Amino acid sequence: MGKARLCLALVLVWFLAGRVSRSTTTIIYPQIVASVALTNQRSPILSATLVTPDADGLYRVSTYLAMTTPGTTNGGWTLYTSWFDDAHKAEFNISSVSEQAIPPLDNCNGTNLCPQVTIARVKAGKPLAYKVAPPSQTGDHGVYELFITVEQLQ
C-alpha cells in the first residue's frame, strides 16, 4: 500500500510540475518591448531601430516630443515612425513640434501635430524604426527631448 501511495504522489508531482512549467511561458499582452529617453537633443536622428520582431505582430508606439529650449528660425522637428506590413513599407509622421515653441505650447498637447500614438502591424524580420527630421532652415533649431515606448499588443 505504501508503494502505491508513493507512486501516486510521484505521478501527481510530475503532472503538477509539468503544468507549472508550461504556464510560465505564457506571454501576457500588452508587453513593453522597447523604450527611448533622449534629452538635450540638438541634432536629427537619421534612423534608429526600435524593435525587429521574430514573428508578425501588432505594436503601439507612444511618443512625446517637446522643445526644451526654443530655436531662432521658423521650422520644426518632425518625428516619423516606419515599418513593413503585409502591403508595403509604411512611414507615419507621428509628431511635429515648432522649434520656437515654449511651454505650454512646446509639445503635442499644445498646438502641434497630434496624435502621438500609432498602431503598426510589423512583419517578422523587418524593423519598426523612427527618425527625427530637422527643420529645413539653417540656424539655431533649439533643443528638444524625445520619449518613446513600444508595446507589443499581439
Protein backbone atom coordinates (compact mmCIF):
# COMPACT_ATOMS: atom_id res chain seq x y z
CA MET A 1 0.00 0.00 0.00
CA GLY A 2 2.86 2.39 0.79
CA LYS A 3 4.44 1.86 -2.64
CA ALA A 4 1.12 2.61 -4.36
CA ARG A 5 0.78 5.87 -2.46
CA LEU A 6 4.36 6.80 -3.25
CA CYS A 7 3.82 6.10 -6.96
CA LEU A 8 0.58 8.10 -6.94
CA ALA A 9 2.33 11.01 -5.19
CA LEU A 10 5.20 10.93 -7.72
CA VAL A 11 2.77 10.92 -10.66
CA LEU A 12 0.85 13.83 -9.11
CA VAL A 13 4.06 15.84 -8.53
CA TRP A 14 5.23 15.11 -12.10
CA PHE A 15 1.84 16.20 -13.51
CA LEU A 16 1.74 19.43 -11.48
CA ALA A 17 5.37 20.27 -12.27
CA GLY A 18 4.62 19.97 -15.98
CA ARG A 19 1.59 22.27 -15.68
CA VAL A 20 3.52 24.89 -13.70
CA SER A 21 6.43 24.97 -16.15
CA ARG A 22 4.07 25.36 -19.13
CA SER A 23 2.12 28.19 -17.52
CA THR A 24 5.24 30.31 -17.00
CA THR A 25 5.87 30.52 -20.76
CA THR A 26 2.56 32.28 -21.47
CA ILE A 27 3.08 35.81 -22.79
CA ILE A 28 0.68 38.43 -21.48
CA TYR A 29 -0.03 41.40 -23.74
CA PRO A 30 0.50 44.31 -23.94
CA GLN A 31 4.19 43.98 -23.21
CA ILE A 32 6.77 46.81 -23.38
CA VAL A 33 9.42 45.74 -25.89
CA ALA A 34 11.38 48.97 -26.44
CA SER A 35 11.81 52.42 -24.99
CA VAL A 36 13.75 55.58 -25.78
CA ALA A 37 14.53 58.51 -23.47
CA LEU A 38 16.56 61.29 -25.09
CA THR A 39 17.08 64.73 -23.61
CA ASN A 40 19.17 67.76 -24.69
CA GLN A 41 18.93 66.85 -28.39
CA ARG A 42 20.15 69.35 -30.98
CA SER A 43 20.70 67.02 -33.93
CA PRO A 44 18.47 64.98 -36.21
CA ILE A 45 18.23 61.22 -35.83
CA LEU A 46 18.53 59.72 -39.30
CA SER A 47 17.16 56.27 -38.42
CA ALA A 48 17.05 54.11 -35.32
CA THR A 49 15.51 50.67 -34.91
CA LEU A 50 13.07 50.24 -32.03
CA VAL A 51 12.40 46.52 -32.48
CA THR A 52 12.79 43.82 -35.13
CA PRO A 53 10.23 41.13 -34.31
CA ASP A 54 10.81 37.38 -34.72
CA ALA A 55 7.14 36.93 -35.68
CA ASP A 56 4.49 39.19 -37.20
CA GLY A 57 2.96 41.38 -34.51
CA LEU A 58 0.82 44.37 -33.66
CA TYR A 59 2.55 47.24 -31.84
CA ARG A 60 1.52 50.50 -30.19
CA VAL A 61 4.09 53.29 -30.38
CA SER A 62 3.56 56.10 -27.84
CA THR A 63 5.73 59.19 -28.14
CA TYR A 64 6.39 62.51 -26.51
CA LEU A 65 8.35 65.14 -28.47
CA ALA A 66 8.85 68.57 -26.94
CA MET A 67 11.09 71.61 -27.17
CA THR A 68 13.06 72.40 -24.03
CA THR A 69 14.88 75.43 -25.44
CA PRO A 70 13.37 77.30 -28.39
CA GLY A 71 15.32 77.93 -31.58
CA THR A 72 15.55 81.11 -33.64
CA THR A 73 14.38 80.00 -37.09
CA ASN A 74 10.91 79.14 -38.41
CA GLY A 75 10.61 75.41 -38.68
CA GLY A 76 10.05 72.34 -36.63
CA TRP A 77 11.36 68.94 -35.65
CA THR A 78 9.32 66.05 -37.05
CA LEU A 79 9.17 62.53 -35.67
CA TYR A 80 8.46 59.68 -38.09
CA THR A 81 7.90 56.00 -37.45
CA SER A 82 8.34 53.38 -40.17
CA TRP A 83 7.66 49.67 -40.52
CA PHE A 84 6.85 46.96 -43.05
CA ASP A 85 3.35 45.45 -43.09
CA ASP A 86 1.82 42.94 -45.50
CA ALA A 87 1.43 45.51 -48.28
CA HIS A 88 4.46 47.82 -48.21
CA LYS A 89 6.84 49.94 -46.18
CA ALA A 90 4.80 52.41 -44.16
CA GLU A 91 6.03 55.73 -42.78
CA PHE A 92 3.95 57.90 -40.50
CA ASN A 93 4.53 61.47 -39.34
CA ILE A 94 3.63 60.84 -35.72
CA SER A 95 4.51 64.22 -34.23
CA SER A 96 5.93 67.65 -35.01
CA VAL A 97 6.93 70.48 -32.76
CA SER A 98 7.79 74.06 -33.70
CA GLU A 99 11.36 74.88 -32.82
CA GLN A 100 10.22 78.27 -31.50
CA ALA A 101 7.67 76.69 -29.15
CA ILE A 102 7.78 77.44 -25.46
CA PRO A 103 5.62 75.97 -22.67
CA PRO A 104 2.73 75.35 -22.58
CA LEU A 105 2.72 75.04 -26.39
CA ASP A 106 6.00 73.14 -26.64
CA ASN A 107 4.57 69.68 -27.36
CA CYS A 108 1.66 67.86 -28.95
CA ASN A 109 -0.62 68.82 -26.07
CA GLY A 110 -0.26 72.46 -27.16
CA THR A 111 -0.97 73.35 -30.79
CA ASN A 112 1.35 70.96 -32.59
CA LEU A 113 0.65 67.87 -34.71
CA CYS A 114 -1.15 65.05 -32.93
CA PRO A 115 -1.69 62.17 -32.27
CA GLN A 116 1.43 60.90 -30.61
CA VAL A 117 0.29 57.28 -30.67
CA THR A 118 0.23 54.96 -33.66
CA ILE A 119 -0.56 51.30 -34.18
CA ALA A 120 1.63 49.27 -36.56
CA ARG A 121 1.42 45.71 -37.82
CA VAL A 122 5.05 44.75 -38.28
CA LYS A 123 6.30 41.83 -40.36
CA ALA A 124 8.75 39.34 -38.88
CA GLY A 125 12.38 40.22 -39.51
CA LYS A 126 11.56 43.81 -40.54
CA PRO A 127 12.37 46.79 -38.30
CA LEU A 128 9.98 49.11 -36.56
CA ALA A 129 12.06 52.29 -36.61
CA TYR A 130 11.95 56.03 -36.01
CA LYS A 131 13.71 59.15 -37.19
CA VAL A 132 13.66 62.81 -36.20
CA ALA A 133 13.86 65.12 -39.19
CA PRO A 134 15.32 68.58 -38.75
CA PRO A 135 13.78 71.88 -39.74
CA SER A 136 14.59 72.86 -43.33
CA GLN A 137 16.12 76.24 -42.47
CA THR A 138 19.67 76.73 -41.27
CA GLY A 139 20.35 78.30 -37.91
CA ASP A 140 19.65 77.57 -34.25
CA HIS A 141 16.96 74.89 -34.07
CA GLY A 142 16.79 74.80 -30.30
CA VAL A 143 16.86 71.78 -28.01
CA TYR A 144 14.27 69.00 -27.96
CA GLU A 145 13.55 65.91 -25.93
CA LEU A 146 12.05 62.63 -27.12
CA PHE A 147 10.48 59.73 -25.26
CA ILE A 148 9.12 56.59 -26.95
CA THR A 149 7.50 53.44 -25.56
CA VAL A 150 6.74 50.49 -27.81
CA GLU A 151 4.25 47.87 -26.64
CA GLN A 152 3.53 44.60 -28.37
CA LEU A 153 -0.24 44.17 -28.45
CA GLN A 154 -0.34 40.69 -30.02
